[in-house]
Amino acid sequence: MSDKTKFMAKEGVVLFVAREDASYTLEPLVDCLLGEGLTAAQVTDAVAASAKRVLKISLSENGLKRSVAELDVEAQAIAVKLIDRLTVKNADRVPPVSKRRGLPAAVAAA
């Protein structure tokens, strides 16, 4: 394997890890915001800005640099995917709180 191929493989892994870091870190926040009734349009810019910060940290820890424009594109993509994944598309499929497991169900039953 050539040095360029090794670098490109490492770069791909570092980008994957940085994207996953951003999604994992921001998932509870996005879930809470959407649960409070905010729309995707209302939270996308803020989530993208936060994703950009997490990406910068994760990439810099691994010695990979990106331009501001590249970070903006990556952060926007992460925000859109995360919001889309956490948006309830069919409310009929969401069980009532009393049918769920864990703390919300215990509080609802009390």
N, C-alpha and C. Protein backbone atom coordinates (compact mmCIF):
# COMPACT_ATOMS: atom_id res chain seq x y z
N MET A 1 0.84 -1.17 0.00
CA MET A 1 0.00 0.00 0.00
C MET A 1 0.89 1.24 0.00
N SER A 2 0.57 2.18 -0.88
CA SER A 2 1.38 3.39 -0.97
C SER A 2 1.08 4.32 0.20
N ASP A 3 1.98 5.29 0.38
CA ASP A 3 1.79 6.25 1.47
C ASP A 3 0.52 7.08 1.27
N LYS A 4 0.22 7.42 0.01
CA LYS A 4 -0.98 8.21 -0.27
C LYS A 4 -2.24 7.40 0.07
N THR A 5 -2.24 6.13 -0.25
CA THR A 5 -3.39 5.28 0.06
C THR A 5 -3.56 5.14 1.57
N LYS A 6 -2.45 4.97 2.28
CA LYS A 6 -2.51 4.87 3.74
C LYS A 6 -3.07 6.15 4.35
N PHE A 7 -2.61 7.30 3.83
CA PHE A 7 -3.09 8.58 4.34
C PHE A 7 -4.57 8.75 4.07
N MET A 8 -5.02 8.38 2.87
CA MET A 8 -6.43 8.52 2.53
C MET A 8 -7.29 7.59 3.38
N ALA A 9 -6.78 6.39 3.67
CA ALA A 9 -7.52 5.46 4.53
C ALA A 9 -7.61 6.02 5.94
N LYS A 10 -6.50 6.56 6.46
CA LYS A 10 -6.50 7.15 7.80
C LYS A 10 -7.43 8.36 7.84
N GLU A 11 -7.39 9.17 6.81
CA GLU A 11 -8.24 10.36 6.74
C GLU A 11 -9.71 9.96 6.76
N GLY A 12 -10.07 8.92 6.04
CA GLY A 12 -11.45 8.44 6.03
C GLY A 12 -11.90 7.96 7.39
N VAL A 13 -11.03 7.25 8.09
CA VAL A 13 -11.36 6.76 9.42
C VAL A 13 -11.52 7.92 10.40
N VAL A 14 -10.62 8.88 10.33
CA VAL A 14 -10.68 10.04 11.22
C VAL A 14 -11.96 10.84 10.97
N LEU A 15 -12.33 11.02 9.70
CA LEU A 15 -13.57 11.73 9.39
C LEU A 15 -14.79 10.97 9.90
N PHE A 16 -14.78 9.66 9.74
CA PHE A 16 -15.89 8.83 10.24
C PHE A 16 -16.03 8.98 11.75
N VAL A 17 -14.92 8.89 12.45
CA VAL A 17 -14.94 9.00 13.91
C VAL A 17 -15.40 10.40 14.33
N ALA A 18 -14.96 11.42 13.64
CA ALA A 18 -15.37 12.80 13.98
C ALA A 18 -16.87 12.97 13.76
N ARG A 19 -17.39 12.42 12.68
CA ARG A 19 -18.84 12.50 12.43
C ARG A 19 -19.62 11.78 13.52
N GLU A 20 -19.15 10.60 13.89
CA GLU A 20 -19.82 9.83 14.94
C GLU A 20 -19.73 10.55 16.29
N ASP A 21 -18.59 11.18 16.58
CA ASP A 21 -18.45 11.96 17.81
C ASP A 21 -19.50 13.06 17.86
N ALA A 22 -19.65 13.78 16.76
CA ALA A 22 -20.62 14.88 16.71
C ALA A 22 -22.04 14.36 16.89
N SER A 23 -22.39 13.29 16.19
CA SER A 23 -23.75 12.74 16.31
C SER A 23 -24.02 12.25 17.72
N TYR A 24 -23.06 11.52 18.27
CA TYR A 24 -23.23 10.96 19.62
C TYR A 24 -23.36 12.07 20.67
N THR A 25 -22.55 13.10 20.54
CA THR A 25 -22.55 14.19 21.50
C THR A 25 -23.83 15.01 21.43
N LEU A 26 -24.33 15.24 20.24
CA LEU A 26 -25.47 16.14 20.06
C LEU A 26 -26.83 15.43 20.09
N GLU A 27 -26.85 14.12 20.03
CA GLU A 27 -28.12 13.39 19.99
C GLU A 27 -29.05 13.72 21.15
N PRO A 28 -28.60 13.72 22.41
CA PRO A 28 -29.52 14.05 23.51
C PRO A 28 -30.08 15.47 23.41
N LEU A 29 -29.26 16.40 22.99
CA LEU A 29 -29.71 17.79 22.85
C LEU A 29 -30.78 17.91 21.77
N VAL A 30 -30.52 17.32 20.61
CA VAL A 30 -31.48 17.39 19.51
C VAL A 30 -32.77 16.68 19.90
N ASP A 31 -32.66 15.55 20.55
CA ASP A 31 -33.85 14.81 20.98
C ASP A 31 -34.69 15.66 21.93
N CYS A 32 -34.04 16.34 22.85
CA CYS A 32 -34.74 17.21 23.80
C CYS A 32 -35.39 18.39 23.09
N LEU A 33 -34.69 19.03 22.19
CA LEU A 33 -35.24 20.18 21.47
C LEU A 33 -36.47 19.78 20.65
N LEU A 34 -36.36 18.67 19.94
CA LEU A 34 -37.49 18.21 19.13
C LEU A 34 -38.64 17.77 20.03
N GLY A 35 -38.32 17.19 21.17
CA GLY A 35 -39.34 16.77 22.12
C GLY A 35 -40.09 17.94 22.73
N GLU A 36 -39.46 19.09 22.78
CA GLU A 36 -40.11 20.29 23.31
C GLU A 36 -40.95 21.02 22.26
N GLY A 37 -41.02 20.45 21.07
CA GLY A 37 -41.88 21.01 20.05
C GLY A 37 -41.21 21.92 19.04
N LEU A 38 -39.91 22.08 19.11
CA LEU A 38 -39.22 22.88 18.11
C LEU A 38 -39.16 22.10 16.80
N THR A 39 -39.14 22.81 15.70
CA THR A 39 -39.11 22.16 14.39
C THR A 39 -37.67 22.01 13.91
N ALA A 40 -37.52 21.19 12.89
CA ALA A 40 -36.19 20.99 12.30
C ALA A 40 -35.62 22.31 11.79
N ALA A 41 -36.48 23.12 11.17
CA ALA A 41 -36.03 24.41 10.64
C ALA A 41 -35.52 25.32 11.75
N GLN A 42 -36.13 25.23 12.93
CA GLN A 42 -35.73 26.09 14.04
C GLN A 42 -34.39 25.69 14.65
N VAL A 43 -34.05 24.42 14.61
CA VAL A 43 -32.85 23.97 15.32
C VAL A 43 -31.67 23.63 14.41
N THR A 44 -31.87 23.55 13.11
CA THR A 44 -30.81 23.09 12.21
C THR A 44 -29.55 23.94 12.30
N ASP A 45 -29.68 25.25 12.28
CA ASP A 45 -28.49 26.12 12.31
C ASP A 45 -27.71 25.97 13.61
N ALA A 46 -28.42 25.90 14.73
CA ALA A 46 -27.74 25.75 16.02
C ALA A 46 -27.07 24.39 16.14
N VAL A 47 -27.73 23.36 15.66
CA VAL A 47 -27.13 22.01 15.71
C VAL A 47 -25.91 21.95 14.79
N ALA A 48 -26.00 22.57 13.63
CA ALA A 48 -24.86 22.59 12.71
C ALA A 48 -23.67 23.34 13.32
N ALA A 49 -23.93 24.44 14.01
CA ALA A 49 -22.84 25.19 14.66
C ALA A 49 -22.19 24.35 15.76
N SER A 50 -23.00 23.63 16.52
CA SER A 50 -22.45 22.76 17.56
C SER A 50 -21.69 21.59 16.96
N ALA A 51 -22.22 21.04 15.88
CA ALA A 51 -21.54 19.93 15.20
C ALA A 51 -20.18 20.39 14.66
N LYS A 52 -20.13 21.61 14.17
CA LYS A 52 -18.87 22.15 13.66
C LYS A 52 -17.81 22.22 14.77
N ARG A 53 -18.23 22.62 15.96
CA ARG A 53 -17.30 22.70 17.09
C ARG A 53 -16.78 21.31 17.46
N VAL A 54 -17.68 20.34 17.51
CA VAL A 54 -17.26 18.98 17.86
C VAL A 54 -16.33 18.43 16.78
N LEU A 55 -16.65 18.68 15.52
CA LEU A 55 -15.80 18.22 14.43
C LEU A 55 -14.39 18.82 14.53
N LYS A 56 -14.32 20.13 14.79
CA LYS A 56 -13.01 20.79 14.91
C LYS A 56 -12.17 20.15 16.00
N ILE A 57 -12.79 19.87 17.13
CA ILE A 57 -12.07 19.26 18.25
C ILE A 57 -11.61 17.86 17.89
N SER A 58 -12.52 17.06 17.37
CA SER A 58 -12.21 15.67 17.04
C SER A 58 -11.13 15.58 15.95
N LEU A 59 -11.26 16.40 14.93
CA LEU A 59 -10.28 16.36 13.85
C LEU A 59 -8.91 16.86 14.30
N SER A 60 -8.89 17.91 15.12
CA SER A 60 -7.60 18.44 15.58
C SER A 60 -6.88 17.47 16.51
N GLU A 61 -7.66 16.70 17.28
CA GLU A 61 -7.04 15.69 18.15
C GLU A 61 -6.33 14.62 17.33
N ASN A 62 -6.79 14.40 16.11
CA ASN A 62 -6.20 13.38 15.25
C ASN A 62 -5.31 13.97 14.16
N GLY A 63 -5.03 15.26 14.26
CA GLY A 63 -4.09 15.90 13.35
C GLY A 63 -4.60 16.10 11.93
N LEU A 64 -5.89 16.16 11.75
CA LEU A 64 -6.45 16.36 10.42
C LEU A 64 -7.06 17.76 10.34
N LYS A 65 -6.67 18.49 9.33
CA LYS A 65 -7.16 19.86 9.18
C LYS A 65 -8.17 19.93 8.05
N ARG A 66 -9.15 20.78 8.23
CA ARG A 66 -10.19 21.04 7.23
C ARG A 66 -10.39 22.54 7.14
N SER A 67 -10.78 22.99 5.95
CA SER A 67 -11.07 24.41 5.78
C SER A 67 -12.42 24.71 6.44
N VAL A 68 -12.67 25.97 6.65
CA VAL A 68 -13.92 26.39 7.27
C VAL A 68 -15.10 25.96 6.39
N ALA A 69 -14.95 26.09 5.09
CA ALA A 69 -16.03 25.70 4.18
C ALA A 69 -16.31 24.19 4.27
N GLU A 70 -15.24 23.39 4.34
CA GLU A 70 -15.42 21.94 4.46
C GLU A 70 -16.08 21.57 5.78
N LEU A 71 -15.67 22.25 6.84
CA LEU A 71 -16.30 22.01 8.15
C LEU A 71 -17.78 22.39 8.12
N ASP A 72 -18.10 23.50 7.46
CA ASP A 72 -19.50 23.93 7.36
C ASP A 72 -20.35 22.88 6.64
N VAL A 73 -19.82 22.34 5.56
CA VAL A 73 -20.56 21.34 4.79
C VAL A 73 -20.76 20.07 5.62
N GLU A 74 -19.69 19.60 6.27
CA GLU A 74 -19.79 18.40 7.11
C GLU A 74 -20.76 18.60 8.26
N ALA A 75 -20.67 19.75 8.92
CA ALA A 75 -21.53 20.03 10.07
C ALA A 75 -22.99 20.11 9.65
N GLN A 76 -23.26 20.73 8.53
CA GLN A 76 -24.64 20.84 8.04
C GLN A 76 -25.19 19.45 7.73
N ALA A 77 -24.38 18.61 7.11
CA ALA A 77 -24.82 17.24 6.78
C ALA A 77 -25.12 16.44 8.05
N ILE A 78 -24.26 16.58 9.05
CA ILE A 78 -24.47 15.88 10.32
C ILE A 78 -25.77 16.35 10.97
N ALA A 79 -25.98 17.66 10.98
CA ALA A 79 -27.18 18.22 11.61
C ALA A 79 -28.44 17.72 10.92
N VAL A 80 -28.45 17.75 9.61
CA VAL A 80 -29.63 17.33 8.85
C VAL A 80 -29.92 15.84 9.10
N LYS A 81 -28.88 15.01 9.04
CA LYS A 81 -29.08 13.57 9.26
C LYS A 81 -29.55 13.28 10.67
N LEU A 82 -28.97 13.94 11.64
CA LEU A 82 -29.33 13.71 13.03
C LEU A 82 -30.77 14.14 13.31
N ILE A 83 -31.14 15.30 12.83
CA ILE A 83 -32.51 15.78 13.03
C ILE A 83 -33.50 14.87 12.31
N ASP A 84 -33.16 14.46 11.11
CA ASP A 84 -34.06 13.57 10.37
C ASP A 84 -34.24 12.23 11.08
N ARG A 85 -33.15 11.70 11.62
CA ARG A 85 -33.21 10.42 12.32
C ARG A 85 -34.04 10.50 13.59
N LEU A 86 -34.02 11.63 14.27
CA LEU A 86 -34.73 11.78 15.53
C LEU A 86 -36.14 12.37 15.40
N THR A 87 -36.51 12.77 14.21
CA THR A 87 -37.84 13.33 14.00
C THR A 87 -38.86 12.20 13.91
N VAL A 88 -39.93 12.33 14.67
CA VAL A 88 -41.02 11.34 14.63
C VAL A 88 -41.80 11.59 13.35
N LYS A 89 -41.84 10.56 12.51
CA LYS A 89 -42.52 10.70 11.23
C LYS A 89 -43.94 10.15 11.27
N ASN A 90 -44.20 9.22 12.17
CA ASN A 90 -45.53 8.63 12.30
C ASN A 90 -45.87 8.56 13.79
N ALA A 91 -46.61 9.53 14.26
CA ALA A 91 -46.92 9.62 15.69
C ALA A 91 -47.72 8.43 16.20
N ASP A 92 -48.44 7.75 15.31
CA ASP A 92 -49.23 6.59 15.73
C ASP A 92 -48.34 5.41 16.16
N ARG A 93 -47.11 5.40 15.71
CA ARG A 93 -46.20 4.30 16.05
C ARG A 93 -45.46 4.53 17.36
N VAL A 94 -45.59 5.71 17.94
CA VAL A 94 -44.93 6.02 19.21
C VAL A 94 -45.84 5.54 20.33
N PRO A 95 -45.35 4.62 21.17
CA PRO A 95 -46.21 4.12 22.25
C PRO A 95 -46.46 5.20 23.31
N PRO A 96 -47.60 5.12 23.99
CA PRO A 96 -47.85 6.08 25.07
C PRO A 96 -46.82 5.88 26.18
N VAL A 97 -46.60 6.91 26.95
CA VAL A 97 -45.57 6.88 27.99
C VAL A 97 -45.80 5.71 28.95
N SER A 98 -47.04 5.42 29.26
CA SER A 98 -47.32 4.35 30.22
C SER A 98 -46.93 2.97 29.69
N LYS A 99 -46.75 2.82 28.38
CA LYS A 99 -46.37 1.53 27.79
C LYS A 99 -44.86 1.40 27.59
N ARG A 100 -44.12 2.45 27.88
CA ARG A 100 -42.67 2.43 27.69
C ARG A 100 -41.98 1.89 28.92
N ARG A 101 -40.74 1.51 28.76
CA ARG A 101 -39.94 1.04 29.89
C ARG A 101 -39.11 2.18 30.43
N GLY A 102 -38.66 2.03 31.66
CA GLY A 102 -37.75 3.01 32.24
C GLY A 102 -38.46 4.08 33.05
N LEU A 103 -37.75 5.14 33.33
CA LEU A 103 -38.22 6.20 34.19
C LEU A 103 -39.50 6.88 33.71
N PRO A 104 -39.66 7.24 32.43
CA PRO A 104 -40.90 7.89 32.04
C PRO A 104 -42.13 7.04 32.34
N ALA A 105 -42.04 5.74 32.11
CA ALA A 105 -43.17 4.86 32.38
C ALA A 105 -43.44 4.79 33.88
N ALA A 106 -42.39 4.75 34.69
CA ALA A 106 -42.56 4.69 36.13
C ALA A 106 -43.20 5.97 36.65
N VAL A 107 -42.82 7.10 36.10
CA VAL A 107 -43.40 8.37 36.52
C VAL A 107 -44.86 8.45 36.08
N ALA A 108 -45.16 7.98 34.89
CA ALA A 108 -46.53 8.01 34.38
C ALA A 108 -47.44 7.10 35.18
N ALA A 109 -46.90 5.97 35.67
CA ALA A 109 -47.69 5.02 36.42
C ALA A 109 -47.97 5.51 37.84
N ALA A 110 -47.11 6.38 38.35
CA ALA A 110 -47.26 6.86 39.74
C ALA A 110 -48.36 7.87 39.89
